Structure formats: structure tokens, C-alpha cells
């Protein structure tokens, strides 16, 4: 993702003044970070929180695409507010995925009137993805829970209980990302799927988000960017 983002940044006429991949580079290049207009964070759940806190503490607007750290969301929100900072986060920066999420919500609402349907999900990613289920899958699942009375929580464990929304995480070679939501009755199946062709859509969304937040203050998501 870092290479994809850098390519899009340059194509859109911007400059990459620093990249950081480890603790040593944080020590050596912090001054360059502090001179940036905006930072983009795509890393790993194990280091994302430290990266986020460092950038926000440096008063640099931050776009974050790493998932798996949301248990600490409240503390990050507090830090951003304390610093009067700028933080843009998303489980998925693809414009197509975010439109797909709106379709998922609407379908969940419609299915409240049709109790003969049950719902399951599947998400497929490359074998190097650290978190399972994906952040996007969790967002889709939570949107279903919020808009439909059939399920009360999600799970990746089998056997799933009747009230649990089962998410099947699949890790397969170099798959960029596939998310499917399936509603099944004894008579038919309604299925919606988003398939990423590559990582460029994510990179483009992240860079567009960085351009958008440059002169803003506060906490934002793709819903704000896309006016959803």
C-alpha cells in the first residue's frame, strides 16, 4: 500500500518528503514529519497506535487506513480533540466499497420485513493480511446489526448461534479483497458482492482524503468525504 500511495501522490502533483518504516526512521526523520502538510498511515495493527499518537502529537493532519486498533478509538479521539487536530480514518478507502456499504445498509433495512431470510458474510484477502475479519467486514456486519433485528452480534466462530451473524474470513494468495453478504431463504438467495481489482482504488481514496483534510480540523470518515 505504501508504494501504491506514493505513486498516486506523485501522479497528482504532490511531494513525498518522508517515509517511515521502523523505530530507527522515526528517530532520524521526525523533523521531516513535522514539516509535512499531511501524513498517511498504512501499517500494521501492532504499530498503528504509536504512529497515530506521534503524528497527532506533532499537529499534523493524519489519514489512517490501518485497522485492528479500534479498541483504543476513544483515546485517539480524546488526543485529537486535545490537540485540536485532524484525523481521517476508514476501514476501507475505496469509493466503491463505501457505496457498497450504503447498499448493504439499505438491504438490511428492507429485510426486516422478511423473516424467512437468514444472513451470513464472507471476506477474502491476501495471506499477509494481519487482522481477521477485515475492518471492512466488521463495518458491514455492524451496519447489518444496526439496521436489522435478526442478529444481535457477529462472530467468526462455528457453530454460530441463531442470533449471531457469521463472518467467514478467507485468506488466499494475493487476493486484494472480496466482501460478500448473503441473505438466504428456503426459496432463493440475495447476494451482494464487492470485488477489488487491486490496491490502487484504496490508494487513490487515501490520497484524495489527504487532499480534502489539509485545512480542516476534527475527525472525519469516508461518509464526510463522499457526503453520504
C-alpha atoms as a PDB file:
ATOM      1  CA  UNK A   1       0.000   0.000   0.000  1.00  0.00           C
ATOM      2  CA  UNK A   2       2.846   2.385   0.742  1.00  0.00           C
ATOM      3  CA  UNK A   3       4.210   2.061  -2.785  1.00  0.00           C
ATOM      4  CA  UNK A   4       0.733   2.407  -4.311  1.00  0.00           C
ATOM      5  CA  UNK A   5       0.042   5.551  -2.257  1.00  0.00           C
ATOM      6  CA  UNK A   6       3.403   7.087  -3.151  1.00  0.00           C
ATOM      7  CA  UNK A   7       2.723   6.550  -6.851  1.00  0.00           C
ATOM      8  CA  UNK A   8      -0.712   8.195  -6.641  1.00  0.00           C
ATOM      9  CA  UNK A   9       0.702  11.095  -4.583  1.00  0.00           C
ATOM     10  CA  UNK A  10       3.309  11.832  -7.259  1.00  0.00           C
ATOM     11  CA  UNK A  11       0.833  11.423 -10.123  1.00  0.00           C
ATOM     12  CA  UNK A  12      -1.432  14.020  -8.505  1.00  0.00           C
ATOM     13  CA  UNK A  13       1.372  16.580  -8.302  1.00  0.00           C
ATOM     14  CA  UNK A  14       2.343  16.283  -4.640  1.00  0.00           C
ATOM     15  CA  UNK A  15       5.690  15.590  -2.972  1.00  0.00           C
ATOM     16  CA  UNK A  16       6.571  12.744  -0.630  1.00  0.00           C
ATOM     17  CA  UNK A  17       9.017  14.314   1.824  1.00  0.00           C
ATOM     18  CA  UNK A  18       9.488  11.306   4.120  1.00  0.00           C
ATOM     19  CA  UNK A  19       8.585   7.658   4.535  1.00  0.00           C
ATOM     20  CA  UNK A  20       8.912   5.777   7.821  1.00  0.00           C
ATOM     21  CA  UNK A  21       9.006   2.007   8.239  1.00  0.00           C
ATOM     22  CA  UNK A  22      10.570   1.410  11.677  1.00  0.00           C
ATOM     23  CA  UNK A  23      11.589   2.913  15.014  1.00  0.00           C
ATOM     24  CA  UNK A  24      15.021   3.979  13.795  1.00  0.00           C
ATOM     25  CA  UNK A  25      13.485   6.014  11.000  1.00  0.00           C
ATOM     26  CA  UNK A  26      11.087   7.651  13.460  1.00  0.00           C
ATOM     27  CA  UNK A  27      14.106   8.856  15.455  1.00  0.00           C
ATOM     28  CA  UNK A  28      16.019  10.030  12.393  1.00  0.00           C
ATOM     29  CA  UNK A  29      13.157  11.601  10.422  1.00  0.00           C
ATOM     30  CA  UNK A  30      10.748  13.101  12.963  1.00  0.00           C
ATOM     31  CA  UNK A  31      11.737  16.608  11.890  1.00  0.00           C
ATOM     32  CA  UNK A  32      10.669  15.855   8.330  1.00  0.00           C
ATOM     33  CA  UNK A  33       7.343  14.510   9.556  1.00  0.00           C
ATOM     34  CA  UNK A  34       6.728  17.742  11.431  1.00  0.00           C
ATOM     35  CA  UNK A  35       7.266  19.749   8.237  1.00  0.00           C
ATOM     36  CA  UNK A  36       4.618  17.813   6.280  1.00  0.00           C
ATOM     37  CA  UNK A  37       1.218  19.191   5.280  1.00  0.00           C
ATOM     38  CA  UNK A  38      -0.442  15.820   5.958  1.00  0.00           C
ATOM     39  CA  UNK A  39       0.553  12.259   6.847  1.00  0.00           C
ATOM     40  CA  UNK A  40      -0.884   8.965   5.582  1.00  0.00           C
ATOM     41  CA  UNK A  41      -0.646   5.909   7.849  1.00  0.00           C
ATOM     42  CA  UNK A  42      -0.937   2.386   6.415  1.00  0.00           C
ATOM     43  CA  UNK A  43       0.985  -0.065   8.557  1.00  0.00           C
ATOM     44  CA  UNK A  44       0.144  -2.912  10.937  1.00  0.00           C
ATOM     45  CA  UNK A  45      -2.204  -3.069  13.949  1.00  0.00           C
ATOM     46  CA  UNK A  46       0.750  -3.700  16.263  1.00  0.00           C
ATOM     47  CA  UNK A  47       2.356  -0.316  15.491  1.00  0.00           C
ATOM     48  CA  UNK A  48      -0.567   1.781  14.249  1.00  0.00           C
ATOM     49  CA  UNK A  49      -1.463   3.288  17.629  1.00  0.00           C
ATOM     50  CA  UNK A  50       2.060   4.555  18.205  1.00  0.00           C
ATOM     51  CA  UNK A  51       2.186   6.038  14.723  1.00  0.00           C
ATOM     52  CA  UNK A  52      -1.182   7.739  15.152  1.00  0.00           C
ATOM     53  CA  UNK A  53      -0.249   9.256  18.504  1.00  0.00           C
ATOM     54  CA  UNK A  54       3.089  10.527  17.243  1.00  0.00           C
ATOM     55  CA  UNK A  55       1.593  12.233  14.211  1.00  0.00           C
ATOM     56  CA  UNK A  56      -1.340  13.789  16.082  1.00  0.00           C
ATOM     57  CA  UNK A  57       1.032  14.986  18.806  1.00  0.00           C
ATOM     58  CA  UNK A  58       3.045  16.720  16.070  1.00  0.00           C
ATOM     59  CA  UNK A  59      -0.066  18.659  14.962  1.00  0.00           C
ATOM     60  CA  UNK A  60      -0.020  17.066  11.508  1.00  0.00           C
ATOM     61  CA  UNK A  61      -3.338  16.133   9.831  1.00  0.00           C
ATOM     62  CA  UNK A  62      -3.472  12.343   9.582  1.00  0.00           C
ATOM     63  CA  UNK A  63      -5.182   9.874   7.257  1.00  0.00           C
ATOM     64  CA  UNK A  64      -5.213   6.351   8.705  1.00  0.00           C
ATOM     65  CA  UNK A  65      -6.070   3.190   6.784  1.00  0.00           C
ATOM     66  CA  UNK A  66      -4.809   0.626   9.282  1.00  0.00           C
ATOM     67  CA  UNK A  67      -7.482  -1.375  11.101  1.00  0.00           C
ATOM     68  CA  UNK A  68      -7.306  -3.604  14.164  1.00  0.00           C
ATOM     69  CA  UNK A  69      -6.711  -0.775  16.696  1.00  0.00           C
ATOM     70  CA  UNK A  70     -10.279   0.446  17.220  1.00  0.00           C
ATOM     71  CA  UNK A  71     -10.451  -0.753  20.827  1.00  0.00           C
ATOM     72  CA  UNK A  72      -8.414   2.400  21.532  1.00  0.00           C
ATOM     73  CA  UNK A  73     -10.598   4.667  19.418  1.00  0.00           C
ATOM     74  CA  UNK A  74     -11.795   6.717  22.393  1.00  0.00           C
ATOM     75  CA  UNK A  75      -8.246   7.543  23.488  1.00  0.00           C
ATOM     76  CA  UNK A  76      -7.332   8.600  19.928  1.00  0.00           C
ATOM     77  CA  UNK A  77     -10.458  10.758  19.744  1.00  0.00           C
ATOM     78  CA  UNK A  78      -9.501  12.410  23.032  1.00  0.00           C
ATOM     79  CA  UNK A  79      -5.949  13.057  21.820  1.00  0.00           C
ATOM     80  CA  UNK A  80      -7.154  14.561  18.546  1.00  0.00           C
ATOM     81  CA  UNK A  81      -9.584  16.841  20.369  1.00  0.00           C
ATOM     82  CA  UNK A  82      -6.963  17.795  22.950  1.00  0.00           C
ATOM     83  CA  UNK A  83      -4.527  18.796  20.180  1.00  0.00           C
ATOM     84  CA  UNK A  84      -7.276  20.454  18.088  1.00  0.00           C
ATOM     85  CA  UNK A  85      -6.010  18.101  15.416  1.00  0.00           C
ATOM     86  CA  UNK A  86      -7.247  16.486  12.229  1.00  0.00           C
ATOM     87  CA  UNK A  87      -7.843  12.756  11.894  1.00  0.00           C
ATOM     88  CA  UNK A  88      -9.394  10.907   8.961  1.00  0.00           C
ATOM     89  CA  UNK A  89      -9.907   7.176   9.417  1.00  0.00           C
ATOM     90  CA  UNK A  90     -11.622   4.484   7.369  1.00  0.00           C
ATOM     91  CA  UNK A  91     -11.847   0.720   7.346  1.00  0.00           C
ATOM     92  CA  UNK A  92     -11.680   0.969   3.560  1.00  0.00           C
ATOM     93  CA  UNK A  93     -10.758   3.950   1.377  1.00  0.00           C
ATOM     94  CA  UNK A  94     -12.245   2.545  -1.825  1.00  0.00           C
ATOM     95  CA  UNK A  95     -15.051   4.770  -3.104  1.00  0.00           C
ATOM     96  CA  UNK A  96     -16.764   1.660  -4.497  1.00  0.00           C
ATOM     97  CA  UNK A  97     -16.663  -0.115  -1.129  1.00  0.00           C
ATOM     98  CA  UNK A  98     -18.190   2.873   0.614  1.00  0.00           C
ATOM     99  CA  UNK A  99     -21.044   2.966  -1.889  1.00  0.00           C
ATOM    100  CA  UNK A 100     -21.375  -0.800  -1.355  1.00  0.00           C
ATOM    101  CA  UNK A 101     -21.760  -0.136   2.369  1.00  0.00           C
ATOM    102  CA  UNK A 102     -24.759   2.100   1.673  1.00  0.00           C
ATOM    103  CA  UNK A 103     -26.361  -0.681  -0.403  1.00  0.00           C
ATOM    104  CA  UNK A 104     -25.675  -3.144   2.440  1.00  0.00           C
ATOM    105  CA  UNK A 105     -27.406  -0.875   4.966  1.00  0.00           C
ATOM    106  CA  UNK A 106     -30.442  -0.394   2.745  1.00  0.00           C
ATOM    107  CA  UNK A 107     -30.761  -4.127   2.077  1.00  0.00           C
ATOM    108  CA  UNK A 108     -30.554  -4.870   5.810  1.00  0.00           C
ATOM    109  CA  UNK A 109     -33.387  -2.411   6.426  1.00  0.00           C
ATOM    110  CA  UNK A 110     -35.554  -3.970   3.712  1.00  0.00           C
ATOM    111  CA  UNK A 111     -35.007  -7.479   5.081  1.00  0.00           C
ATOM    112  CA  UNK A 112     -36.625  -6.562   8.418  1.00  0.00           C
ATOM    113  CA  UNK A 113     -39.957  -7.340   6.767  1.00  0.00           C
ATOM    114  CA  UNK A 114     -38.832 -10.777   5.546  1.00  0.00           C
ATOM    115  CA  UNK A 115     -38.031 -13.058   8.468  1.00  0.00           C
ATOM    116  CA  UNK A 116     -37.697 -16.151   6.295  1.00  0.00           C
ATOM    117  CA  UNK A 117     -34.192 -14.975   5.279  1.00  0.00           C
ATOM    118  CA  UNK A 118     -31.002 -15.646   7.217  1.00  0.00           C
ATOM    119  CA  UNK A 119     -27.761 -13.736   6.604  1.00  0.00           C
ATOM    120  CA  UNK A 120     -24.075 -14.682   6.514  1.00  0.00           C
ATOM    121  CA  UNK A 121     -20.936 -12.907   5.272  1.00  0.00           C
ATOM    122  CA  UNK A 122     -17.639 -13.868   3.678  1.00  0.00           C
ATOM    123  CA  UNK A 123     -14.480 -11.796   3.218  1.00  0.00           C
ATOM    124  CA  UNK A 124     -11.417 -12.894   1.232  1.00  0.00           C
ATOM    125  CA  UNK A 125      -7.992 -11.230   1.366  1.00  0.00           C
ATOM    126  CA  UNK A 126      -4.337 -11.974   0.695  1.00  0.00           C
ATOM    127  CA  UNK A 127      -2.496 -14.288   3.076  1.00  0.00           C
ATOM    128  CA  UNK A 128      -0.458 -11.411   4.561  1.00  0.00           C
ATOM    129  CA  UNK A 129      -3.446  -9.504   5.964  1.00  0.00           C
ATOM    130  CA  UNK A 130      -2.921  -9.301   9.720  1.00  0.00           C
ATOM    131  CA  UNK A 131      -6.492  -8.945  11.006  1.00  0.00           C
ATOM    132  CA  UNK A 132      -9.451 -11.276  10.556  1.00  0.00           C
ATOM    133  CA  UNK A 133     -12.160 -10.444   9.905  1.00  0.00           C
ATOM    134  CA  UNK A 134     -11.188  -7.372   7.927  1.00  0.00           C
ATOM    135  CA  UNK A 135     -12.117  -3.924   9.168  1.00  0.00           C
ATOM    136  CA  UNK A 136     -14.430  -3.578   6.181  1.00  0.00           C
ATOM    137  CA  UNK A 137     -16.205  -6.824   7.063  1.00  0.00           C
ATOM    138  CA  UNK A 138     -16.698  -5.615  10.634  1.00  0.00           C
ATOM    139  CA  UNK A 139     -18.172  -2.345   9.379  1.00  0.00           C
ATOM    140  CA  UNK A 140     -20.541  -4.219   7.069  1.00  0.00           C
ATOM    141  CA  UNK A 141     -21.547  -6.559   9.902  1.00  0.00           C
ATOM    142  CA  UNK A 142     -22.146  -3.738  12.370  1.00  0.00           C
ATOM    143  CA  UNK A 143     -24.246  -1.894   9.803  1.00  0.00           C
ATOM    144  CA  UNK A 144     -26.399  -5.022   9.410  1.00  0.00           C
ATOM    145  CA  UNK A 145     -26.779  -5.328  13.194  1.00  0.00           C
ATOM    146  CA  UNK A 146     -27.756  -1.658  13.462  1.00  0.00           C
ATOM    147  CA  UNK A 147     -30.331  -1.845  10.678  1.00  0.00           C
ATOM    148  CA  UNK A 148     -31.849  -5.317  11.101  1.00  0.00           C
ATOM    149  CA  UNK A 149     -33.313  -7.102  14.129  1.00  0.00           C
ATOM    150  CA  UNK A 150     -32.364 -10.640  13.014  1.00  0.00           C
ATOM    151  CA  UNK A 151     -28.906 -10.732  14.636  1.00  0.00           C
ATOM    152  CA  UNK A 152     -27.513  -9.264  17.840  1.00  0.00           C
ATOM    153  CA  UNK A 153     -23.750  -9.742  17.309  1.00  0.00           C
ATOM    154  CA  UNK A 154     -21.223 -11.069  14.794  1.00  0.00           C
ATOM    155  CA  UNK A 155     -18.805 -13.962  15.106  1.00  0.00           C
ATOM    156  CA  UNK A 156     -16.118 -15.829  13.160  1.00  0.00           C
ATOM    157  CA  UNK A 157     -16.580 -18.978  15.229  1.00  0.00           C
ATOM    158  CA  UNK A 158     -18.546 -22.067  14.236  1.00  0.00           C
ATOM    159  CA  UNK A 159     -21.076 -23.235  15.003  1.00  0.00           C
ATOM    160  CA  UNK A 160     -22.699 -19.810  15.037  1.00  0.00           C
ATOM    161  CA  UNK A 161     -25.737 -19.312  17.237  1.00  0.00           C
ATOM    162  CA  UNK A 162     -29.051 -18.279  15.687  1.00  0.00           C
ATOM    163  CA  UNK A 163     -28.671 -14.681  16.834  1.00  0.00           C
ATOM    164  CA  UNK A 164     -25.048 -14.434  15.615  1.00  0.00           C
ATOM    165  CA  UNK A 165     -24.046 -13.072  12.214  1.00  0.00           C
ATOM    166  CA  UNK A 166     -21.363 -15.420  10.930  1.00  0.00           C
ATOM    167  CA  UNK A 167     -18.407 -13.894   9.051  1.00  0.00           C
ATOM    168  CA  UNK A 168     -16.201 -16.345   7.176  1.00  0.00           C
ATOM    169  CA  UNK A 169     -12.653 -14.943   6.783  1.00  0.00           C
ATOM    170  CA  UNK A 170     -10.711 -16.495   3.886  1.00  0.00           C
ATOM    171  CA  UNK A 171      -7.003 -15.885   3.221  1.00  0.00           C
ATOM    172  CA  UNK A 172      -5.960 -16.781  -0.299  1.00  0.00           C
ATOM    173  CA  UNK A 173      -2.709 -15.957  -2.126  1.00  0.00           C
ATOM    174  CA  UNK A 174      -2.650 -12.307  -3.249  1.00  0.00           C
ATOM    175  CA  UNK A 175      -6.375 -11.505  -3.348  1.00  0.00           C
ATOM    176  CA  UNK A 176      -6.818  -7.716  -2.898  1.00  0.00           C
ATOM    177  CA  UNK A 177     -10.234  -8.005  -1.253  1.00  0.00           C
ATOM    178  CA  UNK A 178     -13.685  -9.533  -1.757  1.00  0.00           C
ATOM    179  CA  UNK A 179     -16.665  -8.894   0.542  1.00  0.00           C
ATOM    180  CA  UNK A 180     -19.993 -10.711   0.165  1.00  0.00           C
ATOM    181  CA  UNK A 181     -23.255 -10.510   2.101  1.00  0.00           C
ATOM    182  CA  UNK A 182     -25.709 -13.346   1.502  1.00  0.00           C
ATOM    183  CA  UNK A 183     -29.382 -13.412   2.521  1.00  0.00           C
ATOM    184  CA  UNK A 184     -30.895 -16.882   2.039  1.00  0.00           C
ATOM    185  CA  UNK A 185     -34.436 -18.213   2.365  1.00  0.00           C
ATOM    186  CA  UNK A 186     -35.804 -21.679   1.593  1.00  0.00           C
ATOM    187  CA  UNK A 187     -36.733 -20.319  -1.827  1.00  0.00           C
ATOM    188  CA  UNK A 188     -33.880 -18.100  -3.020  1.00  0.00           C
ATOM    189  CA  UNK A 189     -30.663 -16.212  -2.305  1.00  0.00           C
ATOM    190  CA  UNK A 190     -29.954 -12.500  -2.444  1.00  0.00           C
ATOM    191  CA  UNK A 191     -26.237 -11.786  -2.565  1.00  0.00           C
ATOM    192  CA  UNK A 192     -24.282  -8.547  -2.889  1.00  0.00           C
ATOM    193  CA  UNK A 193     -20.526  -8.573  -3.502  1.00  0.00           C
ATOM    194  CA  UNK A 194     -17.742  -6.056  -3.888  1.00  0.00           C
ATOM    195  CA  UNK A 195     -14.531  -7.256  -5.541  1.00  0.00           C
ATOM    196  CA  UNK A 196     -11.411  -5.103  -5.562  1.00  0.00           C
ATOM    197  CA  UNK A 197      -9.285  -5.445  -8.693  1.00  0.00           C
ATOM    198  CA  UNK A 198      -6.191  -4.218  -6.876  1.00  0.00           C
ATOM    199  CA  UNK A 199      -4.944  -1.794  -4.238  1.00  0.00           C
ATOM    200  CA  UNK A 200      -4.966   1.319  -6.417  1.00  0.00           C
ATOM    201  CA  UNK A 201      -8.557   2.197  -5.507  1.00  0.00           C
ATOM    202  CA  UNK A 202      -7.584   2.213  -1.832  1.00  0.00           C
ATOM    203  CA  UNK A 203      -4.521   4.327  -2.515  1.00  0.00           C
ATOM    204  CA  UNK A 204      -6.498   6.837  -4.589  1.00  0.00           C
ATOM    205  CA  UNK A 205      -9.113   7.193  -1.851  1.00  0.00           C
ATOM    206  CA  UNK A 206      -6.432   7.745   0.793  1.00  0.00           C
ATOM    207  CA  UNK A 207      -4.704  10.467  -1.223  1.00  0.00           C
ATOM    208  CA  UNK A 208      -7.982  12.201  -2.053  1.00  0.00           C
ATOM    209  CA  UNK A 209      -8.793  12.121   1.671  1.00  0.00           C
ATOM    210  CA  UNK A 210      -5.417  13.682   2.457  1.00  0.00           C
ATOM    211  CA  UNK A 211      -6.088  16.492  -0.019  1.00  0.00           C
ATOM    212  CA  UNK A 212      -9.544  17.014   1.481  1.00  0.00           C
ATOM    213  CA  UNK A 213      -8.487  17.305   5.164  1.00  0.00           C
ATOM    214  CA  UNK A 214      -5.427  19.518   4.689  1.00  0.00           C
ATOM    215  CA  UNK A 215      -7.072  22.685   6.037  1.00  0.00           C
ATOM    216  CA  UNK A 216      -9.728  21.101   8.278  1.00  0.00           C
ATOM    217  CA  UNK A 217      -9.934  20.362  11.989  1.00  0.00           C
ATOM    218  CA  UNK A 218     -11.752  17.438  13.584  1.00  0.00           C
ATOM    219  CA  UNK A 219     -12.415  13.755  12.983  1.00  0.00           C
ATOM    220  CA  UNK A 220     -13.712  12.572   9.622  1.00  0.00           C
ATOM    221  CA  UNK A 221     -14.619   9.422   7.698  1.00  0.00           C
ATOM    222  CA  UNK A 222     -15.442   8.499   4.107  1.00  0.00           C
ATOM    223  CA  UNK A 223     -19.068   9.428   4.813  1.00  0.00           C
ATOM    224  CA  UNK A 224     -17.944  13.047   5.184  1.00  0.00           C
ATOM    225  CA  UNK A 225     -15.751  12.972   2.096  1.00  0.00           C
ATOM    226  CA  UNK A 226     -18.454  11.405  -0.101  1.00  0.00           C
ATOM    227  CA  UNK A 227     -21.297  13.367   1.528  1.00  0.00           C
ATOM    228  CA  UNK A 228     -23.069  10.128   2.476  1.00  0.00           C
END
